[in-house]
Amino acid sequence: MHYRHAYHAANFADVFKHVLLTGLLTGLSRKDKPWAFLDSHAGAGDYDLGHIAADTTGEWRSGIATLVEVDVDGGDVPALVARYLKLVRAANADGGFRFYPGSPRLAQWLARPEIGDRLVLCEKVEEVADELRRAVRGANAAIHVRDGYEAHALLPPPEKRGLILIDPPFERGDEFEAAAELIRKSVARFANGVYAAWYPLKNAHVATKFVQRVARESGRPTLELMIETDAPPRAPDANGIVKHPMTACGLVVVNPPFGFAEEASAALAFIAPLLAQGPKAGWAVNVVA
């Protein structure tokens, strides 16, 4: 069985990741020059939160559902959060949040066809790649059925500007090492690219080593962004087993666009209390020395 993001779509980690993705691509769009968006683990592109997969876990209820009442035109809503929510709502013509766009769909909506922005999407599972093809159509999107950890071979992009999103499922024991190695190889080919790698925060020591390795080996300005929801353990299953859900995650960003740290801080300060499930919830944006 391969990882299926449909079970986890629109959870707190997706909200965190996609708000920041919106900020990174918005930052690249401040120049009237085209960018390329390379997604190493693109997934299906679109997710139906009414599907049995999403309903099985219900993770979206403590994710995107907590932002349902946010007034995107309100003066106290950070511009980054407002833009992200407008994109999500654009996927739901009848209102609500039943359909949730993945990273490829968000990137496609943020792309500027008149400028020439382009998407390069890697998805190694043919069945999922077929779903991605149906979700992301257009001349500005190329789908590669290949292992995302080979994505460095697609660099540098002709545009010479771009964002590389590394968002693996973390179902392998060596996922941190593989992600760090992909960034190392990619920076060697495309030093000025913006790199964003998502990771779960289950073992703080392992995550810290990963972030420090990325900063050290890239030799480029690096940010560490984190969010913690302090979610309680789930109720015991039929066998009496108590499962502990992921409660925190991070994003390491290499070569962040100008002003991104400040915009991200404002956005996380706004969404973290909405996503919080316990008193230890919080967020952080740190420069990695």
Protein backbone atom coordinates (compact mmCIF):
# COMPACT_ATOMS: atom_id res chain seq x y z
CA MET A 1 0.00 0.00 0.00
CA HIS A 2 1.42 3.37 -0.97
CA TYR A 3 0.76 6.57 0.93
CA ARG A 4 -2.52 8.30 -0.01
CA HIS A 5 -2.74 11.93 0.98
CA ALA A 6 -6.54 11.83 0.63
CA TYR A 7 -6.69 10.57 4.22
CA HIS A 8 -4.81 13.62 5.50
CA ALA A 9 -5.76 16.38 3.05
CA ALA A 10 -6.62 19.78 4.53
CA ASN A 11 -5.33 18.89 8.00
CA PHE A 12 -3.39 21.41 10.08
CA ALA A 13 -0.13 20.48 8.34
CA ASP A 14 -1.63 21.21 4.92
CA VAL A 15 -2.96 24.56 6.09
CA PHE A 16 0.46 25.47 7.52
CA LYS A 17 2.33 24.28 4.41
CA HIS A 18 -0.03 25.84 1.88
CA VAL A 19 -0.22 29.23 3.58
CA LEU A 20 3.58 29.35 3.40
CA LEU A 21 3.63 28.04 -0.17
CA THR A 22 1.31 30.89 -1.12
CA GLY A 23 3.75 33.31 0.46
CA LEU A 24 6.78 31.87 -1.32
CA LEU A 25 5.19 31.98 -4.78
CA THR A 26 3.77 35.44 -4.12
CA GLY A 27 7.29 36.56 -3.23
CA LEU A 28 8.67 35.18 -6.50
CA SER A 29 5.87 36.91 -8.41
CA ARG A 30 6.96 40.36 -7.27
CA LYS A 31 9.34 40.42 -10.22
CA ASP A 32 7.99 40.47 -13.77
CA LYS A 33 10.08 37.46 -14.66
CA PRO A 34 8.78 33.89 -15.00
CA TRP A 35 9.31 31.25 -12.35
CA ALA A 36 9.16 27.45 -12.33
CA PHE A 37 7.47 25.48 -9.56
CA LEU A 38 8.91 21.98 -9.08
CA ASP A 39 6.93 19.69 -6.77
CA SER A 40 8.82 16.51 -5.84
CA HIS A 41 5.82 14.64 -4.41
CA ALA A 42 2.84 16.25 -6.11
CA GLY A 43 0.04 13.85 -5.16
CA ALA A 44 -3.42 13.94 -6.72
CA GLY A 45 -3.78 17.72 -6.94
CA ASP A 46 -7.37 17.92 -5.68
CA TYR A 47 -9.11 16.28 -2.73
CA ASP A 48 -12.77 15.66 -1.95
CA LEU A 49 -13.25 16.05 1.81
CA GLY A 50 -16.61 14.32 1.47
CA HIS A 51 -14.90 11.14 0.27
CA ILE A 52 -14.68 8.15 2.61
CA ALA A 53 -10.89 8.53 2.81
CA ALA A 54 -11.08 12.03 4.29
CA ASP A 55 -14.02 11.06 6.47
CA THR A 56 -12.13 8.06 7.87
CA THR A 57 -9.61 10.25 9.67
CA GLY A 58 -11.55 13.51 9.83
CA GLU A 59 -8.25 15.39 10.06
CA TRP A 60 -9.61 18.26 7.95
CA ARG A 61 -12.01 19.14 10.78
CA SER A 62 -9.09 20.35 12.90
CA GLY A 63 -7.45 21.87 9.83
CA ILE A 64 -9.18 23.89 7.13
CA ALA A 65 -12.54 23.68 8.94
CA THR A 66 -11.17 25.89 11.73
CA LEU A 67 -10.79 28.74 9.22
CA VAL A 68 -14.34 28.56 7.83
CA GLU A 69 -15.49 31.70 9.64
CA VAL A 70 -12.48 33.84 8.76
CA ASP A 71 -13.51 37.05 7.00
CA VAL A 72 -10.93 37.30 4.24
CA ASP A 73 -11.83 40.96 3.74
CA GLY A 74 -11.39 41.77 7.40
CA GLY A 75 -8.71 44.26 8.27
CA ASP A 76 -7.10 42.00 10.88
CA VAL A 77 -6.48 39.07 8.50
CA PRO A 78 -2.89 38.96 7.17
CA ALA A 79 -2.75 39.34 3.39
CA LEU A 80 -1.04 35.97 3.04
CA VAL A 81 -3.83 34.13 4.90
CA ALA A 82 -6.52 36.00 2.98
CA ARG A 83 -4.99 35.08 -0.38
CA TYR A 84 -4.66 31.42 0.59
CA LEU A 85 -8.28 31.23 1.76
CA LYS A 86 -9.54 32.92 -1.39
CA LEU A 87 -7.80 30.23 -3.43
CA VAL A 88 -9.31 27.44 -1.34
CA ARG A 89 -12.76 29.01 -1.60
CA ALA A 90 -12.35 29.32 -5.36
CA ALA A 91 -12.32 25.51 -5.44
CA ASN A 92 -15.76 25.49 -3.81
CA ALA A 93 -18.22 27.35 -6.02
CA ASP A 94 -21.14 26.42 -3.74
CA GLY A 95 -19.40 27.67 -0.60
CA GLY A 96 -17.95 25.66 2.27
CA PHE A 97 -14.76 23.67 2.13
CA ARG A 98 -15.69 20.29 0.63
CA PHE A 99 -12.98 20.38 -2.04
CA TYR A 100 -9.41 21.10 -1.10
CA PRO A 101 -6.67 22.00 -3.62
CA GLY A 102 -3.26 20.44 -3.19
CA SER A 103 0.02 22.20 -3.84
CA PRO A 104 -0.10 21.77 -7.65
CA ARG A 105 -3.53 23.38 -7.92
CA LEU A 106 -2.58 26.26 -5.64
CA ALA A 107 0.60 26.83 -7.65
CA GLN A 108 -1.32 26.76 -10.93
CA TRP A 109 -3.75 29.40 -9.67
CA LEU A 110 -0.86 31.56 -8.45
CA ALA A 111 0.99 31.22 -11.77
CA ARG A 112 0.90 34.12 -14.23
CA PRO A 113 0.26 32.78 -17.74
CA GLU A 114 1.03 36.15 -19.27
CA ILE A 115 4.50 36.07 -17.71
CA GLY A 116 5.21 32.42 -18.46
CA ASP A 117 5.26 30.79 -15.01
CA ARG A 118 5.47 27.00 -15.27
CA LEU A 119 4.76 23.87 -13.18
CA VAL A 120 6.89 20.71 -13.12
CA LEU A 121 5.18 17.98 -11.08
CA CYS A 122 6.65 14.63 -10.02
CA GLU A 123 4.41 11.75 -8.92
CA LYS A 124 5.77 8.21 -9.07
CA VAL A 125 2.51 6.29 -8.59
CA GLU A 126 0.79 6.00 -11.98
CA GLU A 127 -2.71 5.84 -10.49
CA VAL A 128 -2.15 9.05 -8.56
CA ALA A 129 -0.45 10.67 -11.55
CA ASP A 130 -3.62 9.99 -13.55
CA GLU A 131 -5.64 11.87 -10.92
CA LEU A 132 -3.10 14.69 -11.08
CA ARG A 133 -3.47 14.92 -14.86
CA ARG A 134 -7.21 15.37 -14.47
CA ALA A 135 -6.77 18.03 -11.77
CA VAL A 136 -3.99 20.04 -13.38
CA ARG A 137 -4.49 20.76 -17.04
CA GLY A 138 -2.88 23.36 -19.24
CA ALA A 139 0.18 24.09 -21.28
CA ASN A 140 2.03 25.44 -18.25
CA ALA A 141 2.09 22.09 -16.37
CA ALA A 142 4.32 19.08 -17.06
CA ILE A 143 3.79 15.85 -15.10
CA HIS A 144 6.65 13.38 -14.64
CA VAL A 145 5.88 9.86 -13.44
CA ARG A 146 9.11 9.40 -11.53
CA ASP A 147 10.56 9.25 -8.04
CA GLY A 148 10.57 12.77 -6.60
CA TYR A 149 14.01 12.18 -5.14
CA GLU A 150 15.31 12.26 -8.71
CA ALA A 151 13.92 15.77 -9.22
CA HIS A 152 17.37 17.37 -9.14
CA ALA A 153 17.83 16.00 -12.67
CA LEU A 154 15.19 18.50 -13.84
CA LEU A 155 17.25 21.45 -12.64
CA PRO A 156 18.12 24.18 -13.37
CA PRO A 157 14.90 25.37 -15.00
CA PRO A 158 15.15 27.49 -18.16
CA GLU A 159 13.54 30.37 -16.23
CA LYS A 160 16.54 30.50 -13.85
CA ARG A 161 14.07 31.35 -11.06
CA GLY A 162 11.87 29.00 -9.12
CA LEU A 163 10.59 27.18 -6.07
CA ILE A 164 11.31 23.53 -5.37
CA LEU A 165 8.82 22.01 -2.91
CA ILE A 166 9.92 18.78 -1.24
CA ASP A 167 6.93 17.25 0.50
CA PRO A 168 7.48 13.49 0.98
CA PRO A 169 5.05 11.24 2.90
CA PHE A 170 7.66 10.27 5.52
CA GLU A 171 6.77 6.60 5.34
CA ARG A 172 10.40 5.56 4.77
CA GLY A 173 12.93 5.24 7.55
CA ASP A 174 15.48 7.34 5.67
CA GLU A 175 13.13 10.12 4.53
CA PHE A 176 15.02 12.93 6.30
CA GLU A 177 18.29 11.78 4.76
CA ALA A 178 16.75 11.47 1.30
CA ALA A 179 15.22 14.96 1.49
CA ALA A 180 18.49 16.50 2.67
CA GLU A 181 20.39 14.76 -0.12
CA LEU A 182 17.91 16.00 -2.73
CA ILE A 183 18.40 19.58 -1.53
CA ARG A 184 22.19 19.17 -1.59
CA LYS A 185 22.17 17.86 -5.16
CA SER A 186 19.65 20.46 -6.28
CA VAL A 187 21.51 23.45 -4.85
CA ALA A 188 24.65 22.24 -6.61
CA ARG A 189 22.77 22.56 -9.91
CA PHE A 190 20.54 25.54 -9.10
CA ALA A 191 22.09 27.62 -6.32
CA ASN A 192 19.65 30.54 -6.54
CA GLY A 193 16.49 28.45 -6.35
CA VAL A 194 14.12 28.69 -3.42
CA TYR A 195 13.79 25.35 -1.60
CA ALA A 196 11.02 24.45 0.83
CA ALA A 197 11.01 21.05 2.55
CA TRP A 198 8.15 19.97 4.80
CA TYR A 199 8.75 17.55 7.69
CA PRO A 200 6.85 16.11 10.67
CA LEU A 201 8.03 17.12 14.13
CA LYS A 202 7.81 13.86 16.03
CA ASN A 203 11.44 13.64 17.08
CA ALA A 204 12.86 17.11 17.75
CA HIS A 205 16.48 15.91 17.70
CA VAL A 206 16.13 14.26 14.28
CA ALA A 207 14.29 17.28 12.84
CA THR A 208 16.92 19.70 14.18
CA LYS A 209 19.75 17.65 12.66
CA PHE A 210 17.93 17.70 9.33
CA VAL A 211 17.44 21.48 9.35
CA GLN A 212 21.03 22.12 10.40
CA ARG A 213 22.34 19.78 7.70
CA VAL A 214 20.29 21.57 5.03
CA ALA A 215 21.61 24.96 6.14
CA ARG A 216 25.20 23.74 6.36
CA GLU A 217 25.30 21.89 3.04
CA SER A 218 23.40 24.51 1.06
CA GLY A 219 25.50 27.37 2.38
CA ARG A 220 22.55 29.66 1.67
CA PRO A 221 20.23 31.75 3.91
CA THR A 222 17.89 29.32 5.66
CA LEU A 223 14.70 29.68 7.71
CA GLU A 224 13.05 27.16 10.01
CA LEU A 225 9.27 27.54 10.41
CA MET A 226 7.23 25.40 12.82
CA ILE A 227 3.71 24.96 14.16
CA GLU A 228 2.41 22.94 17.14
CA THR A 229 -1.28 22.15 17.76
CA ASP A 230 -0.94 20.11 20.98
CA ALA A 231 -3.62 17.70 19.76
CA PRO A 232 -4.73 15.07 22.30
CA PRO A 233 -4.36 11.30 21.67
CA ARG A 234 -7.16 9.66 19.74
CA ALA A 235 -9.69 7.40 21.43
CA PRO A 236 -8.63 3.73 21.66
CA ASP A 237 -9.49 1.65 18.60
CA ALA A 238 -11.35 -1.67 18.63
CA ASN A 239 -8.19 -3.38 19.85
CA GLY A 240 -7.65 -0.90 22.65
CA ILE A 241 -4.69 0.72 20.91
CA VAL A 242 -4.29 4.46 21.46
CA LYS A 243 -2.87 6.28 18.44
CA HIS A 244 -1.02 9.55 18.86
CA PRO A 245 -1.58 11.88 15.91
CA MET A 246 1.06 14.18 14.50
CA THR A 247 0.78 17.40 16.46
CA ALA A 248 3.62 19.49 15.04
CA CYS A 249 5.46 19.98 11.77
CA GLY A 250 7.96 22.27 10.15
CA LEU A 251 9.15 23.78 6.89
CA VAL A 252 12.79 24.52 6.17
CA VAL A 253 13.24 27.20 3.51
CA VAL A 254 16.48 27.87 1.66
CA ASN A 255 16.87 31.24 -0.11
CA PRO A 256 13.58 32.70 1.18
CA PRO A 257 12.26 35.64 -0.88
CA PHE A 258 12.72 39.14 0.52
CA GLY A 259 10.16 39.87 3.25
CA PHE A 260 8.96 36.26 3.51
CA ALA A 261 10.00 35.82 7.16
CA GLU A 262 7.93 38.81 8.26
CA GLU A 263 4.89 37.78 6.20
CA ALA A 264 5.12 34.20 7.43
CA SER A 265 5.35 35.34 11.06
CA ALA A 266 2.18 37.42 10.72
CA ALA A 267 0.36 34.54 9.01
CA LEU A 268 1.39 31.91 11.59
CA ALA A 269 0.52 34.22 14.49
CA PHE A 270 -2.99 34.41 13.00
CA ILE A 271 -3.62 30.75 12.13
CA ALA A 272 -1.87 29.04 15.05
CA PRO A 273 -4.58 29.94 17.64
CA LEU A 274 -7.27 28.72 15.23
CA LEU A 275 -5.51 25.38 14.70
CA ALA A 276 -4.63 24.97 18.39
CA GLN A 277 -6.06 21.97 20.25
CA GLY A 278 -4.24 22.36 23.54
CA PRO A 279 -2.42 24.88 25.77
CA LYS A 280 1.03 24.02 24.40
CA ALA A 281 0.16 25.05 20.84
CA GLY A 282 2.38 27.64 19.20
CA TRP A 283 4.55 28.61 16.24
CA ALA A 284 8.05 29.81 15.43
CA VAL A 285 10.08 31.35 12.62
CA ASN A 286 13.84 31.06 13.15
CA VAL A 287 16.89 32.00 11.15
CA VAL A 288 19.21 28.96 11.02
CA ALA A 289 22.76 30.03 11.72
